[in-house]
Amino acid sequence: MSFVLEQNEYENNFRSARTLIVNAKETISDEYRGYTYTQVPVPEYWKLDLPFNQISYDYCTTGKYLYLNKIKNEPVKPSYFSLFGKATDTALLGLIKSSIDYVKTTKIKDLDINSFLISRKKQLLDEIEKELIKNEEFISIKQFKEILSISEKILNHESSNLISRIGYHVSRIQSITSDTLLERALPLIIEPQISASDMGFSNLMTPDFLYSEEKAIGDFKSFKQDKHDLSYRIAMAGYALAYEQIVCHI
């Protein structure tokens, strides 16, 4: 006896099967990743030549994200979380990095870190606001204002820290040089680029900072990370390998 399912019956059965698979926490096979049996199967991940961030923080247990992005070439739509993270990174890392550059290129007697940071804070906040306006269709007005407000608080807080640290060391050592000031007040390398090709990735790995004195490498996070989350563990494993590679060359 043979029979043919109507389209709506097929879809209902498909959803039921998918729900059972997800609830059972089993690995979802390729045919359930958002494409039909008539299309070419997704190749193994190692053949896709993926950047580090798509393996770590963009990790998806179903593989659907990578399929849509790498096989279908569909652009990734911004979300509240991605825009929030980008804004806070721009505020924090942008302020620290520009302060390091300012100290490097300015004579100690001409340093005016307070005036510099007032101007730089405004520039960074304008950059963040422009990025939010460009993507305002993906967030609510409330979320827009929240991201902008928190970014401004980060800029103000970190600005106070930078003024205190730099002012403290300049006041303590009258003959301090720019290099010594950076070593003591800002001993970080912001967004170092580390070759990741030996580790099987297509691009450079760029953690948020490298603290070379303590041989530490890491990422600033705008949300509390679940240490049991697989994407968190993958990212930490990647940074551990990068850490090892750096230490071997120091």
C-alpha atoms as a PDB file:
ATOM      1  CA  MET A   1       0.000   0.000   0.000  1.00  0.00           C
ATOM      2  CA  SER A   2       1.355   3.409  -0.908  1.00  0.00           C
ATOM      3  CA  PHE A   3       0.265   6.949  -0.112  1.00  0.00           C
ATOM      4  CA  VAL A   4       1.397  10.558  -0.614  1.00  0.00           C
ATOM      5  CA  LEU A   5       1.386  13.135   2.181  1.00  0.00           C
ATOM      6  CA  GLU A   6      -0.161  16.522   1.510  1.00  0.00           C
ATOM      7  CA  GLN A   7       2.271  19.432   1.882  1.00  0.00           C
ATOM      8  CA  ASN A   8       0.779  20.619   5.179  1.00  0.00           C
ATOM      9  CA  GLU A   9       0.909  17.060   6.578  1.00  0.00           C
ATOM     10  CA  TYR A  10       4.563  16.794   5.574  1.00  0.00           C
ATOM     11  CA  GLU A  11       5.380  20.115   7.238  1.00  0.00           C
ATOM     12  CA  ASN A  12       3.589  19.094  10.446  1.00  0.00           C
ATOM     13  CA  ASN A  13       5.454  15.795  10.559  1.00  0.00           C
ATOM     14  CA  PHE A  14       8.723  17.570   9.878  1.00  0.00           C
ATOM     15  CA  ARG A  15       8.163  20.016  12.733  1.00  0.00           C
ATOM     16  CA  SER A  16       7.235  17.188  15.097  1.00  0.00           C
ATOM     17  CA  ALA A  17      10.357  15.236  14.188  1.00  0.00           C
ATOM     18  CA  ARG A  18      12.555  18.299  14.591  1.00  0.00           C
ATOM     19  CA  THR A  19      11.017  19.059  18.005  1.00  0.00           C
ATOM     20  CA  LEU A  20      11.739  15.515  19.150  1.00  0.00           C
ATOM     21  CA  ILE A  21      15.334  15.745  17.964  1.00  0.00           C
ATOM     22  CA  VAL A  22      15.931  19.116  19.646  1.00  0.00           C
ATOM     23  CA  ASN A  23      14.297  18.053  22.904  1.00  0.00           C
ATOM     24  CA  ALA A  24      16.366  14.899  22.950  1.00  0.00           C
ATOM     25  CA  LYS A  25      19.512  17.072  22.526  1.00  0.00           C
ATOM     26  CA  GLU A  26      20.783  14.880  19.708  1.00  0.00           C
ATOM     27  CA  THR A  27      22.995  16.046  16.866  1.00  0.00           C
ATOM     28  CA  ILE A  28      20.853  17.387  14.040  1.00  0.00           C
ATOM     29  CA  SER A  29      21.836  15.945  10.695  1.00  0.00           C
ATOM     30  CA  ASP A  30      22.426  17.974   7.548  1.00  0.00           C
ATOM     31  CA  GLU A  31      18.955  17.516   6.024  1.00  0.00           C
ATOM     32  CA  TYR A  32      17.374  19.450   8.903  1.00  0.00           C
ATOM     33  CA  ARG A  33      19.570  22.521   8.521  1.00  0.00           C
ATOM     34  CA  GLY A  34      17.266  24.577   6.323  1.00  0.00           C
ATOM     35  CA  TYR A  35      17.777  23.197   2.826  1.00  0.00           C
ATOM     36  CA  THR A  36      16.062  20.522   0.747  1.00  0.00           C
ATOM     37  CA  TYR A  37      17.304  17.129  -0.366  1.00  0.00           C
ATOM     38  CA  THR A  38      17.685  18.446  -3.939  1.00  0.00           C
ATOM     39  CA  GLN A  39      20.487  20.826  -2.930  1.00  0.00           C
ATOM     40  CA  VAL A  40      24.158  20.088  -2.470  1.00  0.00           C
ATOM     41  CA  PRO A  41      24.971  18.904   1.083  1.00  0.00           C
ATOM     42  CA  VAL A  42      27.068  21.160   3.302  1.00  0.00           C
ATOM     43  CA  PRO A  43      30.745  20.179   3.132  1.00  0.00           C
ATOM     44  CA  GLU A  44      32.741  19.490   6.264  1.00  0.00           C
ATOM     45  CA  TYR A  45      33.516  22.638   8.257  1.00  0.00           C
ATOM     46  CA  TRP A  46      37.236  22.333   7.653  1.00  0.00           C
ATOM     47  CA  LYS A  47      36.595  22.718   3.898  1.00  0.00           C
ATOM     48  CA  LEU A  48      34.704  25.987   4.326  1.00  0.00           C
ATOM     49  CA  ASP A  49      37.815  28.008   5.220  1.00  0.00           C
ATOM     50  CA  LEU A  50      36.085  29.667   8.171  1.00  0.00           C
ATOM     51  CA  PRO A  51      37.304  32.616  10.231  1.00  0.00           C
ATOM     52  CA  PHE A  52      37.771  32.092  13.958  1.00  0.00           C
ATOM     53  CA  ASN A  53      34.724  34.100  15.071  1.00  0.00           C
ATOM     54  CA  GLN A  54      32.337  31.935  13.028  1.00  0.00           C
ATOM     55  CA  ILE A  55      33.575  28.825  14.794  1.00  0.00           C
ATOM     56  CA  SER A  56      33.579  30.374  18.263  1.00  0.00           C
ATOM     57  CA  TYR A  57      31.058  33.093  19.062  1.00  0.00           C
ATOM     58  CA  ASP A  58      28.834  32.410  16.053  1.00  0.00           C
ATOM     59  CA  TYR A  59      28.688  28.710  16.924  1.00  0.00           C
ATOM     60  CA  CYS A  60      25.365  27.060  16.092  1.00  0.00           C
ATOM     61  CA  THR A  61      24.634  23.435  17.030  1.00  0.00           C
ATOM     62  CA  THR A  62      22.415  22.896  13.966  1.00  0.00           C
ATOM     63  CA  GLY A  63      24.878  24.345  11.468  1.00  0.00           C
ATOM     64  CA  LYS A  64      22.095  26.439   9.919  1.00  0.00           C
ATOM     65  CA  TYR A  65      23.900  29.728  10.553  1.00  0.00           C
ATOM     66  CA  LEU A  66      27.033  28.631   8.684  1.00  0.00           C
ATOM     67  CA  TYR A  67      24.951  27.115   5.903  1.00  0.00           C
ATOM     68  CA  LEU A  68      23.037  30.332   5.253  1.00  0.00           C
ATOM     69  CA  ASN A  69      26.116  32.516   5.550  1.00  0.00           C
ATOM     70  CA  LYS A  70      28.749  30.466   3.726  1.00  0.00           C
ATOM     71  CA  ILE A  71      26.731  28.351   1.257  1.00  0.00           C
ATOM     72  CA  LYS A  72      23.736  30.594   0.552  1.00  0.00           C
ATOM     73  CA  ASN A  73      25.801  33.782   0.945  1.00  0.00           C
ATOM     74  CA  GLU A  74      22.993  35.418   2.907  1.00  0.00           C
ATOM     75  CA  PRO A  75      24.107  38.464   4.945  1.00  0.00           C
ATOM     76  CA  VAL A  76      23.908  38.200   8.707  1.00  0.00           C
ATOM     77  CA  LYS A  77      21.219  40.490  10.117  1.00  0.00           C
ATOM     78  CA  PRO A  78      22.287  42.595  13.111  1.00  0.00           C
ATOM     79  CA  SER A  79      20.564  41.954  16.419  1.00  0.00           C
ATOM     80  CA  TYR A  80      20.272  43.853  19.702  1.00  0.00           C
ATOM     81  CA  PHE A  81      23.050  41.713  21.189  1.00  0.00           C
ATOM     82  CA  SER A  82      25.445  42.140  18.254  1.00  0.00           C
ATOM     83  CA  LEU A  83      24.864  45.913  18.109  1.00  0.00           C
ATOM     84  CA  PHE A  84      25.228  46.194  21.901  1.00  0.00           C
ATOM     85  CA  GLY A  85      28.513  44.269  21.810  1.00  0.00           C
ATOM     86  CA  LYS A  86      29.884  46.304  18.912  1.00  0.00           C
ATOM     87  CA  ALA A  87      28.952  49.591  20.626  1.00  0.00           C
ATOM     88  CA  THR A  88      30.561  48.691  23.960  1.00  0.00           C
ATOM     89  CA  ASP A  89      33.695  47.409  22.193  1.00  0.00           C
ATOM     90  CA  THR A  90      33.935  50.666  20.239  1.00  0.00           C
ATOM     91  CA  ALA A  91      33.612  52.658  23.457  1.00  0.00           C
ATOM     92  CA  LEU A  92      36.027  50.681  25.620  1.00  0.00           C
ATOM     93  CA  LEU A  93      38.650  49.501  23.144  1.00  0.00           C
ATOM     94  CA  GLY A  94      38.461  52.661  21.056  1.00  0.00           C
ATOM     95  CA  LEU A  95      39.175  54.897  24.043  1.00  0.00           C
ATOM     96  CA  ILE A  96      42.063  52.781  25.354  1.00  0.00           C
ATOM     97  CA  LYS A  97      43.651  52.326  21.930  1.00  0.00           C
ATOM     98  CA  SER A  98      43.456  56.012  21.018  1.00  0.00           C
ATOM     99  CA  SER A  99      44.914  56.951  24.437  1.00  0.00           C
ATOM    100  CA  ILE A 100      47.875  54.635  23.829  1.00  0.00           C
ATOM    101  CA  ASP A 101      48.438  56.228  20.411  1.00  0.00           C
ATOM    102  CA  TYR A 102      48.162  59.706  21.931  1.00  0.00           C
ATOM    103  CA  VAL A 103      50.799  58.996  24.601  1.00  0.00           C
ATOM    104  CA  LYS A 104      53.090  57.406  21.987  1.00  0.00           C
ATOM    105  CA  THR A 105      52.997  60.443  19.700  1.00  0.00           C
ATOM    106  CA  THR A 106      52.995  63.275  22.281  1.00  0.00           C
ATOM    107  CA  LYS A 107      55.888  64.613  24.327  1.00  0.00           C
ATOM    108  CA  ILE A 108      55.368  64.224  28.062  1.00  0.00           C
ATOM    109  CA  LYS A 109      55.545  67.995  28.650  1.00  0.00           C
ATOM    110  CA  ASP A 110      52.757  68.484  26.084  1.00  0.00           C
ATOM    111  CA  LEU A 111      50.421  65.795  27.432  1.00  0.00           C
ATOM    112  CA  ASP A 112      46.884  67.001  28.111  1.00  0.00           C
ATOM    113  CA  ILE A 113      45.056  63.701  28.527  1.00  0.00           C
ATOM    114  CA  ASN A 114      41.947  65.350  29.966  1.00  0.00           C
ATOM    115  CA  SER A 115      41.308  67.573  26.923  1.00  0.00           C
ATOM    116  CA  PHE A 116      42.182  64.733  24.573  1.00  0.00           C
ATOM    117  CA  LEU A 117      39.693  62.354  26.174  1.00  0.00           C
ATOM    118  CA  ILE A 118      36.873  64.924  26.206  1.00  0.00           C
ATOM    119  CA  SER A 119      37.244  65.272  22.446  1.00  0.00           C
ATOM    120  CA  ARG A 120      37.747  61.555  21.805  1.00  0.00           C
ATOM    121  CA  LYS A 121      34.703  60.534  23.879  1.00  0.00           C
ATOM    122  CA  LYS A 122      32.477  62.724  21.709  1.00  0.00           C
ATOM    123  CA  GLN A 123      33.950  61.266  18.502  1.00  0.00           C
ATOM    124  CA  LEU A 124      33.404  57.675  19.653  1.00  0.00           C
ATOM    125  CA  LEU A 125      29.869  58.347  20.845  1.00  0.00           C
ATOM    126  CA  ASP A 126      29.068  59.916  17.456  1.00  0.00           C
ATOM    127  CA  GLU A 127      30.454  56.795  15.723  1.00  0.00           C
ATOM    128  CA  ILE A 128      28.293  54.531  17.887  1.00  0.00           C
ATOM    129  CA  GLU A 129      25.178  56.618  17.255  1.00  0.00           C
ATOM    130  CA  LYS A 130      25.749  56.572  13.471  1.00  0.00           C
ATOM    131  CA  GLU A 131      26.094  52.775  13.537  1.00  0.00           C
ATOM    132  CA  LEU A 132      22.846  52.443  15.513  1.00  0.00           C
ATOM    133  CA  ILE A 133      21.010  54.784  13.133  1.00  0.00           C
ATOM    134  CA  LYS A 134      22.228  52.679  10.205  1.00  0.00           C
ATOM    135  CA  ASN A 135      20.743  49.560  11.839  1.00  0.00           C
ATOM    136  CA  GLU A 136      17.762  51.093  13.655  1.00  0.00           C
ATOM    137  CA  GLU A 137      15.297  48.791  11.852  1.00  0.00           C
ATOM    138  CA  PHE A 138      16.656  45.863  13.877  1.00  0.00           C
ATOM    139  CA  ILE A 139      16.189  47.393  17.348  1.00  0.00           C
ATOM    140  CA  SER A 140      13.483  49.271  19.217  1.00  0.00           C
ATOM    141  CA  ILE A 141      13.744  52.940  20.221  1.00  0.00           C
ATOM    142  CA  LYS A 142      14.162  51.819  23.833  1.00  0.00           C
ATOM    143  CA  GLN A 143      17.067  49.530  22.889  1.00  0.00           C
ATOM    144  CA  PHE A 144      18.622  52.304  20.779  1.00  0.00           C
ATOM    145  CA  LYS A 145      18.615  54.685  23.762  1.00  0.00           C
ATOM    146  CA  GLU A 146      19.816  51.972  26.145  1.00  0.00           C
ATOM    147  CA  ILE A 147      22.848  51.074  24.007  1.00  0.00           C
ATOM    148  CA  LEU A 148      23.770  54.736  23.566  1.00  0.00           C
ATOM    149  CA  SER A 149      23.366  55.476  27.288  1.00  0.00           C
ATOM    150  CA  ILE A 150      25.477  52.499  28.420  1.00  0.00           C
ATOM    151  CA  SER A 151      28.164  53.347  25.842  1.00  0.00           C
ATOM    152  CA  GLU A 152      28.350  56.885  27.214  1.00  0.00           C
ATOM    153  CA  LYS A 153      28.687  55.533  30.775  1.00  0.00           C
ATOM    154  CA  ILE A 154      31.521  53.239  29.669  1.00  0.00           C
ATOM    155  CA  LEU A 155      33.296  56.162  27.982  1.00  0.00           C
ATOM    156  CA  ASN A 156      32.980  58.349  31.087  1.00  0.00           C
ATOM    157  CA  HIS A 157      34.101  55.590  33.466  1.00  0.00           C
ATOM    158  CA  GLU A 158      37.093  54.510  31.407  1.00  0.00           C
ATOM    159  CA  SER A 159      38.056  58.129  30.758  1.00  0.00           C
ATOM    160  CA  SER A 160      38.279  58.733  34.524  1.00  0.00           C
ATOM    161  CA  ASN A 161      40.413  55.596  34.907  1.00  0.00           C
ATOM    162  CA  LEU A 162      42.787  56.672  32.143  1.00  0.00           C
ATOM    163  CA  ILE A 163      43.199  60.186  33.531  1.00  0.00           C
ATOM    164  CA  SER A 164      43.931  58.770  36.999  1.00  0.00           C
ATOM    165  CA  ARG A 165      46.435  56.158  35.838  1.00  0.00           C
ATOM    166  CA  ILE A 166      48.350  58.422  33.477  1.00  0.00           C
ATOM    167  CA  GLY A 167      48.308  61.392  35.872  1.00  0.00           C
ATOM    168  CA  TYR A 168      49.529  59.226  38.754  1.00  0.00           C
ATOM    169  CA  HIS A 169      52.629  57.943  36.939  1.00  0.00           C
ATOM    170  CA  VAL A 170      53.502  61.324  35.406  1.00  0.00           C
ATOM    171  CA  SER A 171      53.328  62.982  38.829  1.00  0.00           C
ATOM    172  CA  ARG A 172      55.471  60.318  40.501  1.00  0.00           C
ATOM    173  CA  ILE A 173      58.405  60.301  38.050  1.00  0.00           C
ATOM    174  CA  GLN A 174      59.459  63.721  36.808  1.00  0.00           C
ATOM    175  CA  SER A 175      61.697  62.385  34.028  1.00  0.00           C
ATOM    176  CA  ILE A 176      59.359  59.634  32.850  1.00  0.00           C
ATOM    177  CA  THR A 177      59.436  58.791  29.137  1.00  0.00           C
ATOM    178  CA  SER A 178      56.493  57.917  26.908  1.00  0.00           C
ATOM    179  CA  ASP A 179      57.590  54.278  26.709  1.00  0.00           C
ATOM    180  CA  THR A 180      57.867  53.950  30.492  1.00  0.00           C
ATOM    181  CA  LEU A 181      54.511  55.681  30.951  1.00  0.00           C
ATOM    182  CA  LEU A 182      52.846  53.198  28.590  1.00  0.00           C
ATOM    183  CA  GLU A 183      54.491  50.234  30.313  1.00  0.00           C
ATOM    184  CA  ARG A 184      53.166  51.341  33.689  1.00  0.00           C
ATOM    185  CA  ALA A 185      49.833  52.997  32.925  1.00  0.00           C
ATOM    186  CA  LEU A 186      48.690  51.169  29.771  1.00  0.00           C
ATOM    187  CA  PRO A 187      50.539  47.841  29.516  1.00  0.00           C
ATOM    188  CA  LEU A 188      48.128  46.446  26.917  1.00  0.00           C
ATOM    189  CA  ILE A 189      48.239  45.710  23.218  1.00  0.00           C
ATOM    190  CA  ILE A 190      44.724  46.357  21.942  1.00  0.00           C
ATOM    191  CA  GLU A 191      43.323  44.054  19.249  1.00  0.00           C
ATOM    192  CA  PRO A 192      46.596  42.287  18.360  1.00  0.00           C
ATOM    193  CA  GLN A 193      46.481  40.363  15.090  1.00  0.00           C
ATOM    194  CA  ILE A 194      47.663  36.782  15.439  1.00  0.00           C
ATOM    195  CA  SER A 195      48.117  34.428  12.534  1.00  0.00           C
ATOM    196  CA  ALA A 196      45.524  31.667  12.793  1.00  0.00           C
ATOM    197  CA  SER A 197      46.289  29.797   9.556  1.00  0.00           C
ATOM    198  CA  ASP A 198      48.372  27.182  11.384  1.00  0.00           C
ATOM    199  CA  MET A 199      45.312  26.466  13.503  1.00  0.00           C
ATOM    200  CA  GLY A 200      43.108  25.895  10.448  1.00  0.00           C
ATOM    201  CA  PHE A 201      41.336  29.265  10.196  1.00  0.00           C
ATOM    202  CA  SER A 202      41.109  31.518   7.166  1.00  0.00           C
ATOM    203  CA  ASN A 203      42.034  34.820   8.763  1.00  0.00           C
ATOM    204  CA  LEU A 204      43.880  36.495  11.598  1.00  0.00           C
ATOM    205  CA  MET A 205      42.646  35.927  15.127  1.00  0.00           C
ATOM    206  CA  THR A 206      42.017  39.248  16.881  1.00  0.00           C
ATOM    207  CA  PRO A 207      41.401  39.034  20.628  1.00  0.00           C
ATOM    208  CA  ASP A 208      40.556  42.281  22.397  1.00  0.00           C
ATOM    209  CA  PHE A 209      43.832  42.620  24.281  1.00  0.00           C
ATOM    210  CA  LEU A 210      47.206  41.148  25.028  1.00  0.00           C
ATOM    211  CA  TYR A 211      48.794  41.835  28.411  1.00  0.00           C
ATOM    212  CA  SER A 212      52.343  40.810  27.548  1.00  0.00           C
ATOM    213  CA  GLU A 213      53.848  41.362  31.016  1.00  0.00           C
ATOM    214  CA  GLU A 214      51.607  38.681  32.494  1.00  0.00           C
ATOM    215  CA  LYS A 215      51.395  36.750  29.221  1.00  0.00           C
ATOM    216  CA  ALA A 216      47.608  37.052  29.284  1.00  0.00           C
ATOM    217  CA  ILE A 217      45.261  37.204  26.331  1.00  0.00           C
ATOM    218  CA  GLY A 218      41.527  37.837  26.441  1.00  0.00           C
ATOM    219  CA  ASP A 219      38.236  39.335  25.406  1.00  0.00           C
ATOM    220  CA  PHE A 220      36.015  41.973  26.996  1.00  0.00           C
ATOM    221  CA  LYS A 221      32.396  40.813  27.169  1.00  0.00           C
ATOM    222  CA  SER A 222      29.329  43.029  27.432  1.00  0.00           C
ATOM    223  CA  PHE A 223      27.144  40.181  28.725  1.00  0.00           C
ATOM    224  CA  LYS A 224      27.709  37.570  31.394  1.00  0.00           C
ATOM    225  CA  GLN A 225      29.034  34.432  29.762  1.00  0.00           C
ATOM    226  CA  ASP A 226      27.698  30.991  30.599  1.00  0.00           C
ATOM    227  CA  LYS A 227      30.842  28.939  31.164  1.00  0.00           C
ATOM    228  CA  HIS A 228      28.941  25.812  30.200  1.00  0.00           C
ATOM    229  CA  ASP A 229      28.057  27.296  26.815  1.00  0.00           C
ATOM    230  CA  LEU A 230      29.927  25.459  24.058  1.00  0.00           C
ATOM    231  CA  SER A 231      30.688  28.653  22.108  1.00  0.00           C
ATOM    232  CA  TYR A 232      32.384  30.088  25.203  1.00  0.00           C
ATOM    233  CA  ARG A 233      34.539  26.984  25.599  1.00  0.00           C
ATOM    234  CA  ILE A 234      35.471  26.948  21.899  1.00  0.00           C
ATOM    235  CA  ALA A 235      36.524  30.602  22.063  1.00  0.00           C
ATOM    236  CA  MET A 236      38.599  30.048  25.196  1.00  0.00           C
ATOM    237  CA  ALA A 237      40.289  27.031  23.580  1.00  0.00           C
ATOM    238  CA  GLY A 238      41.139  29.163  20.545  1.00  0.00           C
ATOM    239  CA  TYR A 239      42.628  31.908  22.693  1.00  0.00           C
ATOM    240  CA  ALA A 240      44.587  29.325  24.685  1.00  0.00           C
ATOM    241  CA  LEU A 241      46.180  28.110  21.447  1.00  0.00           C
ATOM    242  CA  ALA A 242      46.902  31.693  20.421  1.00  0.00           C
ATOM    243  CA  TYR A 243      48.401  32.351  23.857  1.00  0.00           C
ATOM    244  CA  GLU A 244      50.687  29.348  23.410  1.00  0.00           C
ATOM    245  CA  GLN A 245      51.766  30.565  19.983  1.00  0.00           C
ATOM    246  CA  ILE A 246      52.621  34.031  21.343  1.00  0.00           C
ATOM    247  CA  VAL A 247      54.542  32.710  24.360  1.00  0.00           C
ATOM    248  CA  CYS A 248      56.639  30.481  22.114  1.00  0.00           C
ATOM    249  CA  HIS A 249      57.832  33.569  20.227  1.00  0.00           C
ATOM    250  CA  ILE A 250      58.481  35.843  23.230  1.00  0.00           C
END
